[in-house]
Protein backbone atom coordinates (compact mmCIF):
# COMPACT_ATOMS: atom_id res chain seq x y z
CA MET A 1 -7.26 1.49 24.18
CA LYS A 2 -5.60 4.74 21.43
CA LEU A 3 -1.85 4.86 20.71
CA LEU A 4 -0.27 7.73 19.28
CA ARG A 5 2.95 9.55 19.13
CA PHE A 6 3.69 13.15 19.42
CA GLY A 7 6.45 15.34 19.02
CA GLU A 8 8.76 16.46 15.98
CA THR A 9 9.39 14.43 12.91
CA GLY A 10 12.17 12.29 14.10
CA HIS A 11 11.82 12.85 17.84
CA GLU A 12 8.62 11.48 18.67
CA LYS A 13 7.01 10.03 21.76
CA PRO A 14 4.71 6.96 22.67
CA GLY A 15 1.42 8.31 24.14
CA VAL A 16 -1.88 7.31 25.14
CA LEU A 17 -5.69 8.80 24.45
CA ASP A 18 -7.01 8.89 27.40
CA THR A 19 -10.93 8.45 28.45
CA ASP A 20 -10.99 12.05 29.34
CA GLY A 21 -9.49 13.19 25.61
CA THR A 22 -6.22 13.67 27.52
CA ILE A 23 -2.87 12.90 25.67
CA ARG A 24 -0.79 11.36 28.34
CA ASP A 25 3.25 10.76 28.01
CA VAL A 26 3.77 7.19 28.38
CA SER A 27 7.78 7.09 27.44
CA SER A 28 8.32 6.23 31.22
CA LEU A 29 6.60 3.14 30.07
CA VAL A 30 7.45 2.19 26.67
CA SER A 31 10.31 3.46 24.70
CA ASP A 32 8.12 3.62 21.67
CA PHE A 33 5.60 1.99 19.72
CA THR A 34 7.91 0.16 17.33
CA PRO A 35 7.77 -3.69 15.92
CA ASP A 36 9.73 -4.48 18.92
CA THR A 37 7.84 -3.31 21.43
CA LEU A 38 4.13 -4.06 20.15
CA SER A 39 2.48 -6.89 22.23
CA ALA A 40 0.11 -8.17 24.17
CA LEU A 41 2.61 -7.82 27.08
CA MET A 42 2.79 -3.86 26.65
CA LEU A 43 -0.36 -3.63 26.37
CA GLY A 44 -1.10 -5.25 29.82
CA THR A 45 1.00 -2.51 30.94
CA LEU A 46 -0.42 0.63 29.76
CA THR A 47 -3.83 -0.86 30.52
CA ARG A 48 -2.93 -1.73 34.26
CA ALA A 49 -1.16 2.30 34.57
CA ASP A 50 -2.99 4.85 35.99
CA LEU A 51 -2.84 7.12 33.37
CA SER A 52 -4.23 10.31 34.98
CA SER A 53 -0.94 10.28 37.31
CA LEU A 54 1.25 10.61 34.22
CA PRO A 55 2.18 13.54 32.15
CA GLU A 56 -0.44 15.42 30.11
CA VAL A 57 0.84 16.68 26.41
CA PRO A 58 -0.12 20.29 25.71
CA ALA A 59 -3.43 20.71 23.19
CA GLY A 60 -2.01 21.39 19.42
CA THR A 61 1.11 19.31 19.97
CA ARG A 62 1.89 17.56 16.34
CA LEU A 63 1.05 13.77 16.20
CA GLY A 64 3.45 11.60 14.57
CA PRO A 65 2.45 7.79 12.79
CA PRO A 66 1.29 6.08 15.80
CA ILE A 67 4.07 3.70 14.94
CA ALA A 68 7.61 4.35 15.12
CA ARG A 69 8.49 1.83 11.78
CA THR A 70 6.71 -0.91 9.81
CA GLY A 71 8.61 -4.06 8.39
CA HIS A 72 5.96 -4.47 5.65
CA PHE A 73 3.25 -1.51 4.41
CA LEU A 74 1.22 -3.39 2.54
CA ALA A 75 -1.94 -2.65 0.63
CA ILE A 76 -4.92 -4.12 -1.39
CA GLY A 77 -6.28 -2.98 -4.57
CA LEU A 78 -9.37 -2.69 -5.95
CA ASN A 79 -11.34 -4.21 -2.62
CA TYR A 80 -14.50 -2.25 -3.15
CA ALA A 81 -16.48 -3.05 -6.30
CA ASP A 82 -17.52 -0.16 -7.02
CA HIS A 83 -13.87 1.72 -6.98
CA ALA A 84 -13.24 -0.91 -9.22
CA GLU A 85 -15.97 0.23 -11.50
CA GLU A 86 -14.42 3.69 -11.60
CA SER A 87 -11.20 2.79 -12.24
CA GLY A 88 -12.14 0.70 -15.18
CA MET A 89 -10.92 -2.69 -13.75
CA PRO A 90 -12.26 -6.06 -13.40
CA ILE A 91 -13.57 -6.92 -9.93
CA PRO A 92 -10.47 -9.03 -8.67
CA THR A 93 -11.28 -12.85 -7.43
CA GLU A 94 -8.13 -12.65 -5.38
CA PRO A 95 -7.03 -9.80 -3.57
CA ILE A 96 -4.27 -7.99 -5.02
CA ILE A 97 -1.68 -6.90 -2.82
CA PHE A 98 1.13 -4.68 -3.59
CA SER A 99 3.65 -2.34 -1.33
CA LYS A 100 3.93 0.82 0.42
CA ALA A 101 7.64 2.30 0.98
CA PRO A 102 7.81 2.05 4.73
CA SER A 103 9.28 5.69 4.19
CA SER A 104 5.73 6.68 3.18
CA LEU A 105 4.37 6.49 6.18
CA SER A 106 3.33 9.96 7.94
CA GLY A 107 1.38 11.54 10.84
CA PRO A 108 -2.01 12.18 10.35
CA ASN A 109 -1.99 16.14 9.78
CA ASP A 110 1.27 16.60 8.00
CA ASP A 111 1.90 18.18 4.49
CA VAL A 112 0.97 15.52 1.47
CA ILE A 113 3.94 16.68 -0.61
CA ILE A 114 3.47 16.40 -4.85
CA PRO A 115 6.58 14.49 -5.74
CA ARG A 116 8.66 16.59 -8.61
CA GLY A 117 7.14 15.17 -11.80
CA SER A 118 3.85 14.39 -10.97
CA ALA A 119 0.72 15.44 -12.82
CA LYS A 120 -1.83 12.61 -10.90
CA THR A 121 -1.60 12.23 -7.10
CA ASP A 122 -4.62 11.25 -5.73
CA TRP A 123 -6.29 10.77 -2.17
CA GLU A 124 -8.33 7.57 -1.34
CA VAL A 125 -9.34 6.79 2.49
CA GLU A 126 -8.75 3.14 3.88
CA LEU A 127 -8.89 1.58 7.03
CA ALA A 128 -5.38 -0.26 7.70
CA ILE A 129 -4.71 -3.15 9.59
CA ILE A 130 -2.14 -3.41 12.46
CA ILE A 131 -0.44 -7.10 12.79
CA GLY A 132 0.52 -7.55 16.94
CA GLU A 133 1.44 -11.42 16.51
CA HIS A 134 3.55 -13.62 14.37
CA CYS A 135 1.73 -15.07 11.45
CA HIS A 136 1.97 -17.16 8.67
CA GLY A 137 -0.54 -19.20 6.91
CA VAL A 138 -3.21 -18.35 9.52
CA ASP A 139 -6.75 -19.61 9.08
CA GLU A 140 -9.36 -17.13 8.19
CA ASP A 141 -11.42 -18.06 11.50
CA GLU A 142 -7.98 -17.27 13.93
CA ALA A 143 -7.07 -14.17 11.25
CA LEU A 144 -8.56 -11.43 13.56
CA SER A 145 -6.90 -12.27 16.58
CA MET A 146 -3.30 -11.75 14.95
CA VAL A 147 -4.61 -7.97 14.67
CA LEU A 148 -3.41 -5.38 16.79
CA GLY A 149 -5.63 -2.85 15.85
CA TYR A 150 -6.57 -0.45 13.23
CA ALA A 151 -6.27 3.01 12.06
CA LEU A 152 -7.28 5.48 9.57
CA CYS A 153 -5.19 5.56 6.53
CA ASN A 154 -4.97 8.26 3.38
CA ASP A 155 -3.33 6.03 0.86
CA VAL A 156 -1.91 8.55 -1.26
CA SER A 157 -1.55 7.83 -4.89
CA GLU A 158 0.33 9.31 -7.67
CA ARG A 159 -1.67 7.79 -10.76
CA ALA A 160 0.97 8.43 -13.90
CA PHE A 161 3.81 6.61 -11.66
CA GLN A 162 1.37 3.96 -10.94
CA ALA A 163 -0.68 2.49 -14.21
CA GLU A 164 1.75 4.87 -17.38
CA ARG A 165 5.53 3.86 -16.03
CA GLY A 166 5.42 0.24 -16.33
CA GLY A 167 6.47 -1.64 -13.57
CA GLN A 168 4.81 -2.32 -10.11
CA TRP A 169 2.32 -0.19 -8.52
CA ILE A 170 4.64 0.83 -5.78
CA LYS A 171 5.99 3.33 -7.72
CA GLY A 172 2.65 5.46 -7.51
CA LYS A 173 2.08 4.89 -3.91
CA SER A 174 5.89 5.45 -2.13
CA ALA A 175 6.76 9.01 -2.34
CA PRO A 176 7.73 10.37 1.38
CA THR A 177 4.67 11.38 3.05
CA PHE A 178 2.20 9.36 0.79
CA GLY A 179 1.11 7.28 3.72
CA PRO A 180 -0.28 9.25 6.72
CA LEU A 181 -1.41 6.99 9.13
CA GLY A 182 -3.39 7.77 12.75
CA PRO A 183 -3.76 9.71 14.86
CA TRP A 184 -4.17 6.76 16.64
CA LEU A 185 -3.91 2.87 16.22
CA VAL A 186 -7.18 1.78 18.16
CA THR A 187 -6.90 -1.84 19.67
CA ALA A 188 -9.06 -4.43 18.53
CA ASP A 189 -10.78 -4.63 21.21
CA GLU A 190 -12.81 -0.98 20.80
CA ILE A 191 -13.50 -2.12 17.40
CA ALA A 192 -17.00 -4.23 17.00
CA ASP A 193 -17.21 -5.17 13.83
CA PRO A 194 -14.37 -3.59 11.57
CA GLN A 195 -16.85 -4.95 8.59
CA ASP A 196 -19.13 -1.67 9.24
CA LEU A 197 -17.36 1.38 10.01
CA ASP A 198 -18.42 4.50 7.94
CA MET A 199 -16.09 6.54 5.98
CA PHE A 200 -15.36 10.06 4.44
CA LEU A 201 -12.89 12.35 2.76
CA ASP A 202 -13.17 15.75 1.64
CA VAL A 203 -11.21 18.00 -0.84
CA ASN A 204 -11.69 21.67 0.10
CA GLY A 205 -14.55 20.95 2.04
CA GLU A 206 -16.15 18.97 -0.84
CA ARG A 207 -16.93 15.29 -0.21
CA CYS A 208 -15.61 13.30 -2.62
CA GLN A 209 -15.78 9.71 -1.24
CA THR A 210 -18.56 8.71 1.19
CA GLY A 211 -18.12 4.46 1.97
CA ASN A 212 -18.45 1.99 4.33
CA THR A 213 -16.50 -0.89 5.38
CA ARG A 214 -19.38 -3.47 4.93
CA THR A 215 -18.89 -3.23 0.72
CA MET A 216 -14.97 -4.68 0.56
CA ILE A 217 -15.27 -7.31 -1.65
CA PHE A 218 -12.72 -9.36 0.64
CA PRO A 219 -13.22 -8.57 4.37
CA VAL A 220 -10.33 -8.11 7.07
CA ALA A 221 -9.78 -11.62 8.40
CA HIS A 222 -9.68 -12.50 4.43
CA ILE A 223 -7.41 -10.67 3.76
CA VAL A 224 -5.07 -11.53 6.76
CA SER A 225 -5.27 -15.29 6.11
CA TYR A 226 -4.92 -14.67 2.83
CA VAL A 227 -1.56 -12.29 2.91
CA SER A 228 -0.12 -14.61 5.14
CA GLN A 229 -0.43 -17.37 3.05
CA PHE A 230 2.61 -15.75 1.05
CA MET A 231 4.79 -14.30 3.30
CA ALA A 232 5.17 -13.99 7.19
CA LEU A 233 3.25 -11.08 8.71
CA GLU A 234 5.08 -9.37 11.94
CA PRO A 235 4.05 -7.28 14.89
CA GLY A 236 3.69 -3.51 13.30
CA ASP A 237 2.73 -4.51 10.17
CA ILE A 238 0.86 -2.49 8.43
CA ILE A 239 -1.99 -3.61 5.39
CA THR A 240 -4.03 -0.90 4.10
CA THR A 241 -7.42 -2.48 2.79
CA GLY A 242 -8.41 -0.22 -0.26
CA THR A 243 -10.76 2.36 -1.03
CA PRO A 244 -14.13 3.35 -1.53
CA PRO A 245 -15.60 4.85 -4.85
CA GLY A 246 -15.03 8.90 -5.27
CA VAL A 247 -11.39 9.29 -6.03
CA GLY A 248 -10.01 11.89 -8.55
CA MET A 249 -8.81 9.30 -10.98
CA GLY A 250 -12.88 7.91 -11.19
CA MET A 251 -13.81 11.45 -11.74
CA LYS A 252 -15.18 12.89 -15.37
CA PRO A 253 -13.42 14.99 -15.73
CA GLN A 254 -10.52 13.16 -13.80
CA ARG A 255 -9.46 15.73 -11.00
CA PHE A 256 -6.10 15.33 -8.82
CA LEU A 257 -4.40 17.13 -6.06
CA LYS A 258 -2.17 20.45 -6.50
CA ALA A 259 -1.04 22.97 -4.20
CA GLY A 260 -2.91 24.61 -1.50
CA ASP A 261 -5.76 22.02 -1.44
CA GLU A 262 -6.47 20.34 1.77
CA MET A 263 -8.22 16.75 2.65
CA ARG A 264 -9.84 15.81 5.58
CA LEU A 265 -11.00 12.37 6.16
CA GLY A 266 -12.19 10.32 8.89
CA ILE A 267 -13.44 6.21 9.67
CA ALA A 268 -15.78 5.90 12.10
CA GLY A 269 -14.00 5.22 15.90
CA LEU A 270 -10.59 5.88 14.22
CA GLY A 271 -10.78 9.65 14.13
CA GLU A 272 -10.21 11.90 11.36
CA GLN A 273 -7.09 13.20 9.56
CA ARG A 274 -6.64 16.61 7.82
CA GLN A 275 -3.71 17.31 5.19
CA LYS A 276 -2.74 20.47 3.29
CA VAL A 277 -0.83 19.42 -0.02
CA VAL A 278 2.08 21.43 -1.25
CA ALA A 279 4.73 21.29 -3.73
CA ALA A 280 7.82 19.33 -3.67
């Protein structure tokens, strides 16, 4: 099932993408997709519903992030060996965990706003995990059962804020609009193997990133288990899992986003995003 949210910013309603590609308004069945409502029980209600009887959402309606809010917006750094190499950093021996501010969450096609003072805003196509069950200290062989589903994420990053201003990476990862998620949350039953998904990102029509999740250093099951050793994960938590090579920071010469640029990115089975870059 593909869960989504539609409508103007701050006034989104929950929806489901029907099998014929029609968006259906499911607000009569669930108030919204939040940490309080995301559950197997809620999915069961939607699965049993006659979606064709529910209101159709007009084509072209804005899509918001597929979950209204998240408790943790976590990320795994340098999780592709060739991306670590282009970044000039050693291949990690354990997952590198950092955070993005939950307020960075945005819709899949919303504008990406370059923050004031930025000179090095960059792109990163990533597979995002959405947690569906409370878990703490979960074993790796049980970790995938804690996953509600997956989504496409652009882990937009300001490299100078991230690496040149001291402190933690969160400073370069958290500006408003730096967390485009969606277009939908695809439930785990529809993704046969999260470690075999093609991914890409274009800037102004030029292919910059091409990859596949099979080349992750730490796969999804390991990531969920590992992160849960250090904190309790809750429904609606997001873990975005790293990016393949081709980011602007790794180019020679380096290339960063500027107002007027357009990004297009996608992951097989998870849909596509398109964002225009604008100045703050």
